[in-house]
Amino acid sequence: MRNKSTHLLTILILLFNILSACKSEEKPSPNIIFFLVDDMGWQDTSIPFWSEKTHFNERYHTPNMERLASQGMIFTQAYAYTV
C-alpha cells in the first residue's frame, strides 16, 4: 500500500511540475549595470547626481553614461568608506 501511495504522489508531483512549466510565461530578466570606480566624485560625470546640474558636470563628457541613464534608473544616494 505504501509503495502505491509513493508512486501516486510522485506522479502527481511530476504532473503538477509539467503543467506549471507549460503555463508559465517567461519574463525577461532586468539588465543591471554596476559601476565600481575609484576616486570618482558625484560631480565627475556629465550626469547630475543632484537635483540640478553644477558647473563641474559641464566639465566632463560621458555620453555613454548619459545614454544608459536616460534608458534606465539612477541611484543617487550611495556612500562609501575606507575599510
N, C-alpha and C. Protein backbone atom coordinates (compact mmCIF):
# COMPACT_ATOMS: atom_id res chain seq x y z
N MET A 1 0.82 -1.20 0.00
CA MET A 1 0.00 0.00 0.00
C MET A 1 0.86 1.26 0.00
N ARG A 2 1.91 1.22 0.82
CA ARG A 2 2.78 2.40 0.92
C ARG A 2 3.50 2.67 -0.40
N ASN A 3 3.89 1.60 -1.08
CA ASN A 3 4.59 1.73 -2.34
C ASN A 3 3.69 2.37 -3.40
N LYS A 4 2.40 1.98 -3.43
CA LYS A 4 1.46 2.57 -4.37
C LYS A 4 1.24 4.05 -4.07
N SER A 5 1.17 4.40 -2.80
CA SER A 5 0.97 5.80 -2.40
C SER A 5 2.16 6.65 -2.80
N THR A 6 3.35 6.10 -2.64
CA THR A 6 4.56 6.83 -3.02
C THR A 6 4.60 7.06 -4.52
N HIS A 7 4.25 6.04 -5.30
CA HIS A 7 4.24 6.18 -6.76
C HIS A 7 3.18 7.20 -7.20
N LEU A 8 2.01 7.13 -6.58
CA LEU A 8 0.95 8.07 -6.92
C LEU A 8 1.35 9.50 -6.59
N LEU A 9 1.96 9.69 -5.44
CA LEU A 9 2.41 11.02 -5.05
C LEU A 9 3.49 11.54 -6.00
N THR A 10 4.40 10.68 -6.39
CA THR A 10 5.47 11.06 -7.32
C THR A 10 4.88 11.46 -8.68
N ILE A 11 3.92 10.70 -9.16
CA ILE A 11 3.29 11.00 -10.44
C ILE A 11 2.53 12.32 -10.37
N LEU A 12 1.82 12.56 -9.27
CA LEU A 12 1.09 13.82 -9.11
C LEU A 12 2.04 15.02 -9.06
N ILE A 13 3.14 14.88 -8.38
CA ILE A 13 4.13 15.97 -8.31
C ILE A 13 4.72 16.24 -9.69
N LEU A 14 5.05 15.19 -10.42
CA LEU A 14 5.58 15.37 -11.77
C LEU A 14 4.56 16.04 -12.70
N LEU A 15 3.31 15.62 -12.62
CA LEU A 15 2.28 16.24 -13.44
C LEU A 15 2.09 17.71 -13.09
N PHE A 16 2.11 18.01 -11.81
CA PHE A 16 1.97 19.40 -11.38
C PHE A 16 3.12 20.25 -11.91
N ASN A 17 4.34 19.73 -11.83
CA ASN A 17 5.51 20.46 -12.33
C ASN A 17 5.44 20.66 -13.84
N ILE A 18 5.01 19.65 -14.55
CA ILE A 18 4.92 19.77 -16.01
C ILE A 18 3.86 20.78 -16.40
N LEU A 19 2.70 20.73 -15.75
CA LEU A 19 1.62 21.67 -16.07
C LEU A 19 1.99 23.10 -15.71
N SER A 20 2.64 23.29 -14.59
CA SER A 20 3.02 24.65 -14.21
C SER A 20 4.12 25.19 -15.12
N ALA A 21 4.98 24.33 -15.63
CA ALA A 21 6.03 24.77 -16.55
C ALA A 21 5.44 25.15 -17.90
N CYS A 22 4.39 24.47 -18.32
CA CYS A 22 3.77 24.77 -19.61
C CYS A 22 3.03 26.10 -19.58
N LYS A 23 2.42 26.45 -18.46
CA LYS A 23 1.61 27.66 -18.38
C LYS A 23 2.41 28.91 -18.04
N SER A 24 3.58 28.76 -17.49
CA SER A 24 4.32 29.94 -17.04
C SER A 24 4.88 30.70 -18.24
N GLU A 25 4.72 32.02 -18.19
CA GLU A 25 5.30 32.87 -19.21
C GLU A 25 6.62 33.41 -18.69
N GLU A 26 7.62 33.26 -19.49
CA GLU A 26 8.95 33.67 -19.06
C GLU A 26 9.09 35.18 -19.18
N LYS A 27 9.36 35.84 -18.07
CA LYS A 27 9.56 37.28 -18.07
C LYS A 27 11.04 37.57 -18.30
N PRO A 28 11.32 38.58 -19.09
CA PRO A 28 12.74 38.91 -19.31
C PRO A 28 13.36 39.47 -18.03
N SER A 29 14.53 39.00 -17.73
CA SER A 29 15.21 39.48 -16.52
C SER A 29 15.82 40.85 -16.79
N PRO A 30 15.87 41.69 -15.76
CA PRO A 30 16.41 43.04 -15.97
C PRO A 30 17.93 43.02 -16.13
N ASN A 31 18.42 43.95 -16.90
CA ASN A 31 19.86 44.12 -17.05
C ASN A 31 20.33 45.12 -16.01
N ILE A 32 21.31 44.75 -15.23
CA ILE A 32 21.82 45.61 -14.18
C ILE A 32 23.28 45.91 -14.47
N ILE A 33 23.61 47.19 -14.53
CA ILE A 33 25.00 47.62 -14.74
C ILE A 33 25.43 48.36 -13.49
N PHE A 34 26.51 47.91 -12.91
CA PHE A 34 27.02 48.49 -11.67
C PHE A 34 28.40 49.04 -11.95
N PHE A 35 28.58 50.34 -11.79
CA PHE A 35 29.88 50.97 -11.99
C PHE A 35 30.61 51.02 -10.66
N LEU A 36 31.77 50.39 -10.60
CA LEU A 36 32.62 50.44 -9.42
C LEU A 36 33.88 51.20 -9.83
N VAL A 37 33.97 52.46 -9.40
CA VAL A 37 35.02 53.36 -9.87
C VAL A 37 35.76 53.91 -8.66
N ASP A 38 37.07 53.97 -8.77
CA ASP A 38 37.90 54.51 -7.70
C ASP A 38 38.10 56.01 -7.93
N ASP A 39 37.95 56.79 -6.89
CA ASP A 39 38.18 58.25 -6.91
C ASP A 39 37.30 59.00 -7.90
N MET A 40 36.06 58.59 -8.02
CA MET A 40 35.12 59.32 -8.87
C MET A 40 34.11 60.00 -7.96
N GLY A 41 34.02 61.29 -8.08
CA GLY A 41 33.10 62.05 -7.24
C GLY A 41 31.71 62.12 -7.85
N TRP A 42 30.77 62.64 -7.08
CA TRP A 42 29.39 62.71 -7.54
C TRP A 42 29.19 63.80 -8.60
N GLN A 43 30.19 64.65 -8.82
CA GLN A 43 30.11 65.67 -9.85
C GLN A 43 31.06 65.39 -11.02
N ASP A 44 31.66 64.21 -11.06
CA ASP A 44 32.67 63.89 -12.06
C ASP A 44 32.10 63.24 -13.32
N THR A 45 30.83 63.41 -13.59
CA THR A 45 30.21 62.94 -14.83
C THR A 45 29.36 64.06 -15.40
N SER A 46 28.93 63.89 -16.62
CA SER A 46 28.03 64.90 -17.20
C SER A 46 26.60 64.71 -16.73
N ILE A 47 26.34 63.62 -16.02
CA ILE A 47 25.01 63.36 -15.47
C ILE A 47 24.95 63.95 -14.06
N PRO A 48 23.99 64.80 -13.77
CA PRO A 48 23.90 65.36 -12.42
C PRO A 48 23.36 64.33 -11.43
N PHE A 49 24.07 64.11 -10.35
CA PHE A 49 23.60 63.24 -9.28
C PHE A 49 23.03 64.08 -8.15
N TRP A 50 22.45 65.18 -8.50
CA TRP A 50 21.83 66.11 -7.56
C TRP A 50 20.58 66.63 -8.23
N SER A 51 19.84 67.46 -7.59
CA SER A 51 18.58 67.95 -8.18
C SER A 51 18.83 68.86 -9.39
N GLU A 52 19.98 69.48 -9.47
CA GLU A 52 20.31 70.34 -10.61
C GLU A 52 21.78 70.17 -10.99
N LYS A 53 22.11 70.58 -12.21
CA LYS A 53 23.50 70.47 -12.69
C LYS A 53 24.39 71.48 -11.99
N THR A 54 25.64 71.10 -11.81
CA THR A 54 26.65 72.01 -11.28
C THR A 54 27.63 72.35 -12.40
N HIS A 55 28.49 73.30 -12.16
CA HIS A 55 29.45 73.66 -13.22
C HIS A 55 30.48 72.55 -13.44
N PHE A 56 30.67 71.66 -12.46
CA PHE A 56 31.58 70.53 -12.66
C PHE A 56 30.97 69.50 -13.63
N ASN A 57 29.65 69.39 -13.67
CA ASN A 57 29.02 68.48 -14.62
C ASN A 57 29.25 68.92 -16.06
N GLU A 58 29.46 70.19 -16.28
CA GLU A 58 29.73 70.70 -17.62
C GLU A 58 31.17 70.40 -18.06
N ARG A 59 32.03 70.14 -17.11
CA ARG A 59 33.45 69.91 -17.40
C ARG A 59 33.69 68.53 -18.03
N TYR A 60 32.91 67.55 -17.63
CA TYR A 60 33.14 66.17 -18.08
C TYR A 60 32.09 65.78 -19.13
N HIS A 61 32.52 64.95 -20.08
CA HIS A 61 31.63 64.47 -21.13
C HIS A 61 31.59 62.95 -21.06
N THR A 62 30.48 62.42 -20.64
CA THR A 62 30.30 60.96 -20.54
C THR A 62 29.03 60.58 -21.31
N PRO A 63 29.10 60.56 -22.65
CA PRO A 63 27.89 60.31 -23.44
C PRO A 63 27.31 58.91 -23.27
N ASN A 64 28.16 57.91 -23.06
CA ASN A 64 27.63 56.55 -22.89
C ASN A 64 26.89 56.42 -21.57
N MET A 65 27.41 57.05 -20.53
CA MET A 65 26.69 57.04 -19.25
C MET A 65 25.38 57.81 -19.36
N GLU A 66 25.37 58.89 -20.11
CA GLU A 66 24.13 59.65 -20.33
C GLU A 66 23.09 58.79 -21.04
N ARG A 67 23.54 58.05 -22.04
CA ARG A 67 22.61 57.19 -22.79
C ARG A 67 22.04 56.10 -21.90
N LEU A 68 22.90 55.45 -21.12
CA LEU A 68 22.42 54.41 -20.21
C LEU A 68 21.48 54.97 -19.15
N ALA A 69 21.82 56.16 -18.63
CA ALA A 69 20.98 56.77 -17.60
C ALA A 69 19.62 57.19 -18.14
N SER A 70 19.57 57.60 -19.40
CA SER A 70 18.28 58.01 -19.97
C SER A 70 17.36 56.83 -20.21
N GLN A 71 17.93 55.63 -20.38
CA GLN A 71 17.14 54.44 -20.64
C GLN A 71 16.80 53.66 -19.38
N GLY A 72 17.42 54.02 -18.26
CA GLY A 72 17.21 53.21 -17.07
C GLY A 72 16.94 54.03 -15.83
N MET A 73 17.51 53.59 -14.73
CA MET A 73 17.27 54.17 -13.43
C MET A 73 18.60 54.60 -12.82
N ILE A 74 18.60 55.73 -12.12
CA ILE A 74 19.82 56.24 -11.48
C ILE A 74 19.60 56.25 -9.98
N PHE A 75 20.53 55.68 -9.25
CA PHE A 75 20.51 55.74 -7.79
C PHE A 75 21.51 56.80 -7.36
N THR A 76 21.04 57.80 -6.65
CA THR A 76 21.88 58.95 -6.35
C THR A 76 22.39 58.99 -4.93
N GLN A 77 21.99 58.07 -4.09
CA GLN A 77 22.44 58.10 -2.70
C GLN A 77 23.27 56.86 -2.41
N ALA A 78 24.54 56.94 -2.70
CA ALA A 78 25.47 55.84 -2.42
C ALA A 78 26.62 56.39 -1.61
N TYR A 79 27.01 55.67 -0.62
CA TYR A 79 28.07 56.12 0.27
C TYR A 79 29.13 55.03 0.37
N ALA A 80 30.37 55.46 0.45
CA ALA A 80 31.48 54.52 0.58
C ALA A 80 32.41 55.01 1.67
N TYR A 81 33.09 54.08 2.28
CA TYR A 81 34.06 54.43 3.31
C TYR A 81 35.25 53.49 3.20
N THR A 82 36.36 53.89 3.75
CA THR A 82 37.55 53.05 3.69
C THR A 82 37.43 51.92 4.69
N VAL A 83 38.00 50.82 4.34
CA VAL A 83 37.93 49.65 5.22
C VAL A 83 39.20 49.52 6.01
